[in-house]
Amino acid sequence: MVDYGQLFGGSGPNAFPGLSNYCDGNFASGFNSSVSTCRPVLSNKNAPMQATGIYLSPDSAENTWGVDPGYYTLASAFSYLFGETDADGNPVLPVATSPEAVHWLWNNSDIADVQGNPFPGVGRNTLRANRWNKLDASIFKTIKLHEGYGLQLQFSAYNVLNKRLLGTNDPELDDTGTFWNSDYNYGTSARQVQLGARITF
């Protein structure tokens, strides 16, 4: 088997079987980042957006993880890897899944080898964040008080349609609880009204 990781200067397939990939690990380490620079692999575009999984090859699953090879939900795989336990103190085991049941797969060397492509991840700008649109409006009325003097009444409304601007959804696939979720973002720019007046002369 070609070691794409060594060939392309990435993290290599043996850095941590099941999690490592063929992307540029030197780039990530240069920024002291533990976040994978690989984009996720599109598995089933009709599956729920937040359904994520991971494929473990026989070598990774049996020799490193101690489980059967196959597809697992990403959240349960991470829980198992990090030694989490249930309420009774039993280890949380990975939950089997299928490629059809998940929207995204963790981009690792295992799935890359199966697909025969060191970079099986999706392209740039595959997803879009929330739209950003806001309507502001102002009404001014000038009343003549005396020759050379006037009173201007001002009514200004910001974000008239009261759109909740949530910003960017969580883009990190390994954030299994909040991936592509905007609920953690409380939003900004609720509708505001401003009244004012000024004398002109």
C-alpha atoms as a PDB file:
ATOM      1  CA  MET A   1       0.000   0.000   0.000  1.00  0.00           C
ATOM      2  CA  VAL A   2       1.245   3.482  -0.856  1.00  0.00           C
ATOM      3  CA  ASP A   3       1.862   5.603   2.221  1.00  0.00           C
ATOM      4  CA  TYR A   4       0.154   8.740   0.960  1.00  0.00           C
ATOM      5  CA  GLY A   5       0.874  10.487   4.246  1.00  0.00           C
ATOM      6  CA  GLN A   6       4.605  10.107   3.746  1.00  0.00           C
ATOM      7  CA  LEU A   7       4.313  10.870   0.031  1.00  0.00           C
ATOM      8  CA  PHE A   8       2.442  14.139   0.558  1.00  0.00           C
ATOM      9  CA  GLY A   9       4.098  15.200   3.815  1.00  0.00           C
ATOM     10  CA  GLY A  10       0.958  14.669   5.886  1.00  0.00           C
ATOM     11  CA  SER A  11       0.384  12.937   9.175  1.00  0.00           C
ATOM     12  CA  GLY A  12       0.686   9.480   7.635  1.00  0.00           C
ATOM     13  CA  PRO A  13      -1.678   6.549   8.019  1.00  0.00           C
ATOM     14  CA  ASN A  14       0.050   5.166  11.092  1.00  0.00           C
ATOM     15  CA  ALA A  15       0.139   8.310  13.258  1.00  0.00           C
ATOM     16  CA  PHE A  16      -3.063   7.171  14.983  1.00  0.00           C
ATOM     17  CA  PRO A  17      -4.962   4.482  13.078  1.00  0.00           C
ATOM     18  CA  GLY A  18      -8.573   5.430  12.499  1.00  0.00           C
ATOM     19  CA  LEU A  19      -8.145   9.174  13.086  1.00  0.00           C
ATOM     20  CA  SER A  20      -5.081  10.127  11.056  1.00  0.00           C
ATOM     21  CA  ASN A  21      -5.378  11.198   7.459  1.00  0.00           C
ATOM     22  CA  TYR A  22      -3.337  12.047   4.410  1.00  0.00           C
ATOM     23  CA  CYS A  23      -3.813  15.789   4.654  1.00  0.00           C
ATOM     24  CA  ASP A  24      -1.030  18.159   5.542  1.00  0.00           C
ATOM     25  CA  GLY A  25      -0.341  17.508   9.211  1.00  0.00           C
ATOM     26  CA  ASN A  26       2.711  19.779   9.042  1.00  0.00           C
ATOM     27  CA  PHE A  27       0.411  22.686   8.173  1.00  0.00           C
ATOM     28  CA  ALA A  28      -1.774  22.053  11.222  1.00  0.00           C
ATOM     29  CA  SER A  29       1.183  21.574  13.551  1.00  0.00           C
ATOM     30  CA  GLY A  30       2.704  24.797  12.236  1.00  0.00           C
ATOM     31  CA  PHE A  31      -0.261  26.621  13.731  1.00  0.00           C
ATOM     32  CA  ASN A  32      -0.265  24.480  16.896  1.00  0.00           C
ATOM     33  CA  SER A  33      -3.656  23.174  15.862  1.00  0.00           C
ATOM     34  CA  SER A  34      -5.118  19.781  16.709  1.00  0.00           C
ATOM     35  CA  VAL A  35      -7.966  20.305  14.239  1.00  0.00           C
ATOM     36  CA  SER A  36      -7.775  18.147  11.132  1.00  0.00           C
ATOM     37  CA  THR A  37      -7.129  20.097   7.946  1.00  0.00           C
ATOM     38  CA  CYS A  38      -9.061  17.488   5.947  1.00  0.00           C
ATOM     39  CA  ARG A  39     -12.584  18.288   4.847  1.00  0.00           C
ATOM     40  CA  PRO A  40     -15.189  15.619   5.680  1.00  0.00           C
ATOM     41  CA  VAL A  41     -16.238  12.951   3.211  1.00  0.00           C
ATOM     42  CA  LEU A  42     -19.759  13.226   1.828  1.00  0.00           C
ATOM     43  CA  SER A  43     -21.467   9.895   2.450  1.00  0.00           C
ATOM     44  CA  ASN A  44     -25.203  10.324   1.845  1.00  0.00           C
ATOM     45  CA  LYS A  45     -26.460  13.799   0.976  1.00  0.00           C
ATOM     46  CA  ASN A  46     -30.018  12.784   1.878  1.00  0.00           C
ATOM     47  CA  ALA A  47     -29.126  11.795   5.440  1.00  0.00           C
ATOM     48  CA  PRO A  48     -29.598  14.361   8.235  1.00  0.00           C
ATOM     49  CA  MET A  49     -26.941  17.073   8.082  1.00  0.00           C
ATOM     50  CA  GLN A  50     -25.697  16.373  11.615  1.00  0.00           C
ATOM     51  CA  ALA A  51     -25.469  12.597  11.147  1.00  0.00           C
ATOM     52  CA  THR A  52     -21.747  11.816  11.217  1.00  0.00           C
ATOM     53  CA  GLY A  53     -19.780   8.595  11.137  1.00  0.00           C
ATOM     54  CA  ILE A  54     -16.343   7.062  10.851  1.00  0.00           C
ATOM     55  CA  TYR A  55     -15.025   4.035   8.996  1.00  0.00           C
ATOM     56  CA  LEU A  56     -12.454   1.802  10.688  1.00  0.00           C
ATOM     57  CA  SER A  57     -10.459  -0.637   8.595  1.00  0.00           C
ATOM     58  CA  PRO A  58      -9.674  -4.134   9.910  1.00  0.00           C
ATOM     59  CA  ASP A  59      -6.177  -3.021  10.882  1.00  0.00           C
ATOM     60  CA  SER A  60      -7.322   0.095  12.761  1.00  0.00           C
ATOM     61  CA  ALA A  61     -10.381  -1.496  14.332  1.00  0.00           C
ATOM     62  CA  GLU A  62      -8.866  -4.738  15.544  1.00  0.00           C
ATOM     63  CA  ASN A  63      -5.285  -3.739  16.335  1.00  0.00           C
ATOM     64  CA  THR A  64      -5.831  -0.271  17.818  1.00  0.00           C
ATOM     65  CA  TRP A  65      -9.470   0.214  18.758  1.00  0.00           C
ATOM     66  CA  GLY A  66     -10.281  -3.360  19.777  1.00  0.00           C
ATOM     67  CA  VAL A  67     -13.586  -3.452  17.864  1.00  0.00           C
ATOM     68  CA  ASP A  68     -14.875  -5.039  14.681  1.00  0.00           C
ATOM     69  CA  PRO A  69     -14.104  -3.191  11.450  1.00  0.00           C
ATOM     70  CA  GLY A  70     -16.897  -1.198   9.875  1.00  0.00           C
ATOM     71  CA  TYR A  71     -18.822   2.059  10.156  1.00  0.00           C
ATOM     72  CA  TYR A  72     -19.638   3.672  13.510  1.00  0.00           C
ATOM     73  CA  THR A  73     -21.350   6.863  14.592  1.00  0.00           C
ATOM     74  CA  LEU A  74     -18.709   9.479  15.222  1.00  0.00           C
ATOM     75  CA  ALA A  75     -20.045  10.533  18.619  1.00  0.00           C
ATOM     76  CA  SER A  76     -20.010   6.995  20.006  1.00  0.00           C
ATOM     77  CA  ALA A  77     -16.576   6.304  18.519  1.00  0.00           C
ATOM     78  CA  PHE A  78     -15.130   9.370  20.240  1.00  0.00           C
ATOM     79  CA  SER A  79     -16.842   8.460  23.511  1.00  0.00           C
ATOM     80  CA  TYR A  80     -15.301   4.990  23.322  1.00  0.00           C
ATOM     81  CA  LEU A  81     -11.888   6.328  22.365  1.00  0.00           C
ATOM     82  CA  PHE A  82     -11.838   8.789  25.269  1.00  0.00           C
ATOM     83  CA  GLY A  83     -12.881   6.110  27.773  1.00  0.00           C
ATOM     84  CA  GLU A  84     -16.297   7.475  28.655  1.00  0.00           C
ATOM     85  CA  THR A  85     -18.607   5.308  30.759  1.00  0.00           C
ATOM     86  CA  ASP A  86     -22.354   5.060  31.199  1.00  0.00           C
ATOM     87  CA  ALA A  87     -24.310   5.609  34.426  1.00  0.00           C
ATOM     88  CA  ASP A  88     -23.396   2.100  35.608  1.00  0.00           C
ATOM     89  CA  GLY A  89     -19.696   2.590  34.984  1.00  0.00           C
ATOM     90  CA  ASN A  90     -19.598   0.436  31.852  1.00  0.00           C
ATOM     91  CA  PRO A  91     -17.525   1.661  28.909  1.00  0.00           C
ATOM     92  CA  VAL A  92     -19.471   3.345  26.133  1.00  0.00           C
ATOM     93  CA  LEU A  93     -19.093   1.141  23.054  1.00  0.00           C
ATOM     94  CA  PRO A  94     -19.121   2.389  19.469  1.00  0.00           C
ATOM     95  CA  VAL A  95     -22.532   2.188  17.804  1.00  0.00           C
ATOM     96  CA  ALA A  96     -22.515   0.569  14.376  1.00  0.00           C
ATOM     97  CA  THR A  97     -24.013   2.505  11.474  1.00  0.00           C
ATOM     98  CA  SER A  98     -23.931   2.468   7.676  1.00  0.00           C
ATOM     99  CA  PRO A  99     -22.756   4.871   4.961  1.00  0.00           C
ATOM    100  CA  GLU A 100     -26.380   5.421   3.993  1.00  0.00           C
ATOM    101  CA  ALA A 101     -27.339   6.537   7.506  1.00  0.00           C
ATOM    102  CA  VAL A 102     -24.782   9.340   7.837  1.00  0.00           C
ATOM    103  CA  HIS A 103     -24.338  12.548   5.895  1.00  0.00           C
ATOM    104  CA  TRP A 104     -20.623  12.893   6.637  1.00  0.00           C
ATOM    105  CA  LEU A 105     -17.730  10.540   7.294  1.00  0.00           C
ATOM    106  CA  TRP A 106     -14.582  11.427   9.210  1.00  0.00           C
ATOM    107  CA  ASN A 107     -11.813  11.921   6.664  1.00  0.00           C
ATOM    108  CA  ASN A 108      -9.211   9.347   7.693  1.00  0.00           C
ATOM    109  CA  SER A 109      -6.704   7.167   5.919  1.00  0.00           C
ATOM    110  CA  ASP A 110      -9.032   4.171   6.259  1.00  0.00           C
ATOM    111  CA  ILE A 111     -11.821   5.624   4.124  1.00  0.00           C
ATOM    112  CA  ALA A 112      -9.247   7.124   1.760  1.00  0.00           C
ATOM    113  CA  ASP A 113      -7.757   3.678   1.156  1.00  0.00           C
ATOM    114  CA  VAL A 114     -11.201   2.177   0.548  1.00  0.00           C
ATOM    115  CA  GLN A 115     -12.053   4.858  -2.000  1.00  0.00           C
ATOM    116  CA  GLY A 116      -8.596   4.766  -3.567  1.00  0.00           C
ATOM    117  CA  ASN A 117      -8.189   8.511  -3.117  1.00  0.00           C
ATOM    118  CA  PRO A 118      -5.884  10.147  -0.549  1.00  0.00           C
ATOM    119  CA  PHE A 119      -8.110  13.255  -0.510  1.00  0.00           C
ATOM    120  CA  PRO A 120     -11.735  12.064  -0.581  1.00  0.00           C
ATOM    121  CA  GLY A 121     -13.119  15.122   1.219  1.00  0.00           C
ATOM    122  CA  VAL A 122     -15.606  17.544  -0.267  1.00  0.00           C
ATOM    123  CA  GLY A 123     -14.489  20.712  -2.046  1.00  0.00           C
ATOM    124  CA  ARG A 124     -14.430  24.228  -0.699  1.00  0.00           C
ATOM    125  CA  ASN A 125     -17.635  26.187  -0.106  1.00  0.00           C
ATOM    126  CA  THR A 126     -19.772  23.058  -0.051  1.00  0.00           C
ATOM    127  CA  LEU A 127     -21.976  24.462   2.706  1.00  0.00           C
ATOM    128  CA  ARG A 128     -23.328  27.917   3.342  1.00  0.00           C
ATOM    129  CA  ALA A 129     -23.824  29.626   6.674  1.00  0.00           C
ATOM    130  CA  ASN A 130     -26.948  31.571   7.625  1.00  0.00           C
ATOM    131  CA  ARG A 131     -27.938  34.416   5.374  1.00  0.00           C
ATOM    132  CA  TRP A 132     -27.159  37.900   6.548  1.00  0.00           C
ATOM    133  CA  ASN A 133     -29.850  40.408   5.671  1.00  0.00           C
ATOM    134  CA  LYS A 134     -31.065  43.405   7.588  1.00  0.00           C
ATOM    135  CA  LEU A 135     -33.382  46.278   6.749  1.00  0.00           C
ATOM    136  CA  ASP A 136     -32.982  49.674   8.417  1.00  0.00           C
ATOM    137  CA  ALA A 137     -35.434  52.553   7.912  1.00  0.00           C
ATOM    138  CA  SER A 138     -35.672  56.168   9.018  1.00  0.00           C
ATOM    139  CA  ILE A 139     -38.432  58.776   8.806  1.00  0.00           C
ATOM    140  CA  PHE A 140     -37.688  62.467   9.313  1.00  0.00           C
ATOM    141  CA  LYS A 141     -40.280  65.211   9.614  1.00  0.00           C
ATOM    142  CA  THR A 142     -39.301  68.874   9.767  1.00  0.00           C
ATOM    143  CA  ILE A 143     -41.763  71.319  11.287  1.00  0.00           C
ATOM    144  CA  LYS A 144     -41.267  75.029  10.719  1.00  0.00           C
ATOM    145  CA  LEU A 145     -41.331  76.831  14.053  1.00  0.00           C
ATOM    146  CA  HIS A 146     -40.338  80.334  13.045  1.00  0.00           C
ATOM    147  CA  GLU A 147     -38.632  81.970  10.137  1.00  0.00           C
ATOM    148  CA  GLY A 148     -35.145  80.448  10.087  1.00  0.00           C
ATOM    149  CA  TYR A 149     -35.938  77.860  12.765  1.00  0.00           C
ATOM    150  CA  GLY A 150     -37.307  74.360  12.475  1.00  0.00           C
ATOM    151  CA  LEU A 151     -37.865  71.229  14.529  1.00  0.00           C
ATOM    152  CA  GLN A 152     -36.923  67.924  12.968  1.00  0.00           C
ATOM    153  CA  LEU A 153     -38.534  64.813  14.441  1.00  0.00           C
ATOM    154  CA  GLN A 154     -36.652  61.595  13.771  1.00  0.00           C
ATOM    155  CA  PHE A 155     -37.806  57.983  13.870  1.00  0.00           C
ATOM    156  CA  SER A 156     -35.221  55.307  13.066  1.00  0.00           C
ATOM    157  CA  ALA A 157     -35.684  51.546  13.179  1.00  0.00           C
ATOM    158  CA  TYR A 158     -32.811  49.107  12.856  1.00  0.00           C
ATOM    159  CA  ASN A 159     -33.404  45.532  11.733  1.00  0.00           C
ATOM    160  CA  VAL A 160     -37.042  46.383  10.988  1.00  0.00           C
ATOM    161  CA  LEU A 161     -37.942  42.784  10.066  1.00  0.00           C
ATOM    162  CA  ASN A 162     -36.355  41.555  13.312  1.00  0.00           C
ATOM    163  CA  LYS A 163     -34.152  38.943  11.624  1.00  0.00           C
ATOM    164  CA  ARG A 164     -32.146  36.863  14.061  1.00  0.00           C
ATOM    165  CA  LEU A 165     -28.565  36.956  12.807  1.00  0.00           C
ATOM    166  CA  LEU A 166     -27.034  33.741  14.130  1.00  0.00           C
ATOM    167  CA  GLY A 167     -23.692  33.936  12.378  1.00  0.00           C
ATOM    168  CA  THR A 168     -21.841  30.809  11.290  1.00  0.00           C
ATOM    169  CA  ASN A 169     -22.952  27.330  12.312  1.00  0.00           C
ATOM    170  CA  ASP A 170     -20.415  25.169  14.120  1.00  0.00           C
ATOM    171  CA  PRO A 171     -18.228  23.882  11.234  1.00  0.00           C
ATOM    172  CA  GLU A 172     -16.128  21.362  13.181  1.00  0.00           C
ATOM    173  CA  LEU A 173     -17.146  17.753  12.496  1.00  0.00           C
ATOM    174  CA  ASP A 174     -15.517  16.535  15.699  1.00  0.00           C
ATOM    175  CA  ASP A 175     -17.881  18.747  17.737  1.00  0.00           C
ATOM    176  CA  THR A 176     -20.339  15.885  17.665  1.00  0.00           C
ATOM    177  CA  GLY A 177     -22.851  17.640  19.907  1.00  0.00           C
ATOM    178  CA  THR A 178     -22.990  20.978  18.116  1.00  0.00           C
ATOM    179  CA  PHE A 179     -21.767  20.319  14.558  1.00  0.00           C
ATOM    180  CA  TRP A 180     -23.666  22.525  12.085  1.00  0.00           C
ATOM    181  CA  ASN A 181     -25.831  23.772  14.891  1.00  0.00           C
ATOM    182  CA  SER A 182     -26.528  27.446  15.485  1.00  0.00           C
ATOM    183  CA  ASP A 183     -28.332  27.014  18.819  1.00  0.00           C
ATOM    184  CA  TYR A 184     -25.182  27.793  20.782  1.00  0.00           C
ATOM    185  CA  ASN A 185     -25.114  31.193  19.057  1.00  0.00           C
ATOM    186  CA  TYR A 186     -27.619  33.511  20.738  1.00  0.00           C
ATOM    187  CA  GLY A 187     -27.808  35.882  17.808  1.00  0.00           C
ATOM    188  CA  THR A 188     -27.394  39.626  17.649  1.00  0.00           C
ATOM    189  CA  SER A 189     -29.016  42.757  16.293  1.00  0.00           C
ATOM    190  CA  ALA A 190     -32.578  42.432  17.549  1.00  0.00           C
ATOM    191  CA  ARG A 191     -34.914  45.156  16.295  1.00  0.00           C
ATOM    192  CA  GLN A 192     -34.152  48.549  17.842  1.00  0.00           C
ATOM    193  CA  VAL A 193     -36.075  51.807  17.589  1.00  0.00           C
ATOM    194  CA  GLN A 194     -34.534  55.227  18.092  1.00  0.00           C
ATOM    195  CA  LEU A 195     -36.450  58.478  18.540  1.00  0.00           C
ATOM    196  CA  GLY A 196     -34.792  61.830  18.193  1.00  0.00           C
ATOM    197  CA  ALA A 197     -35.335  65.512  17.621  1.00  0.00           C
ATOM    198  CA  ARG A 198     -33.198  68.451  16.662  1.00  0.00           C
ATOM    199  CA  ILE A 199     -33.645  72.126  16.115  1.00  0.00           C
ATOM    200  CA  THR A 200     -32.390  73.528  12.839  1.00  0.00           C
ATOM    201  CA  PHE A 201     -31.564  77.167  12.220  1.00  0.00           C
END
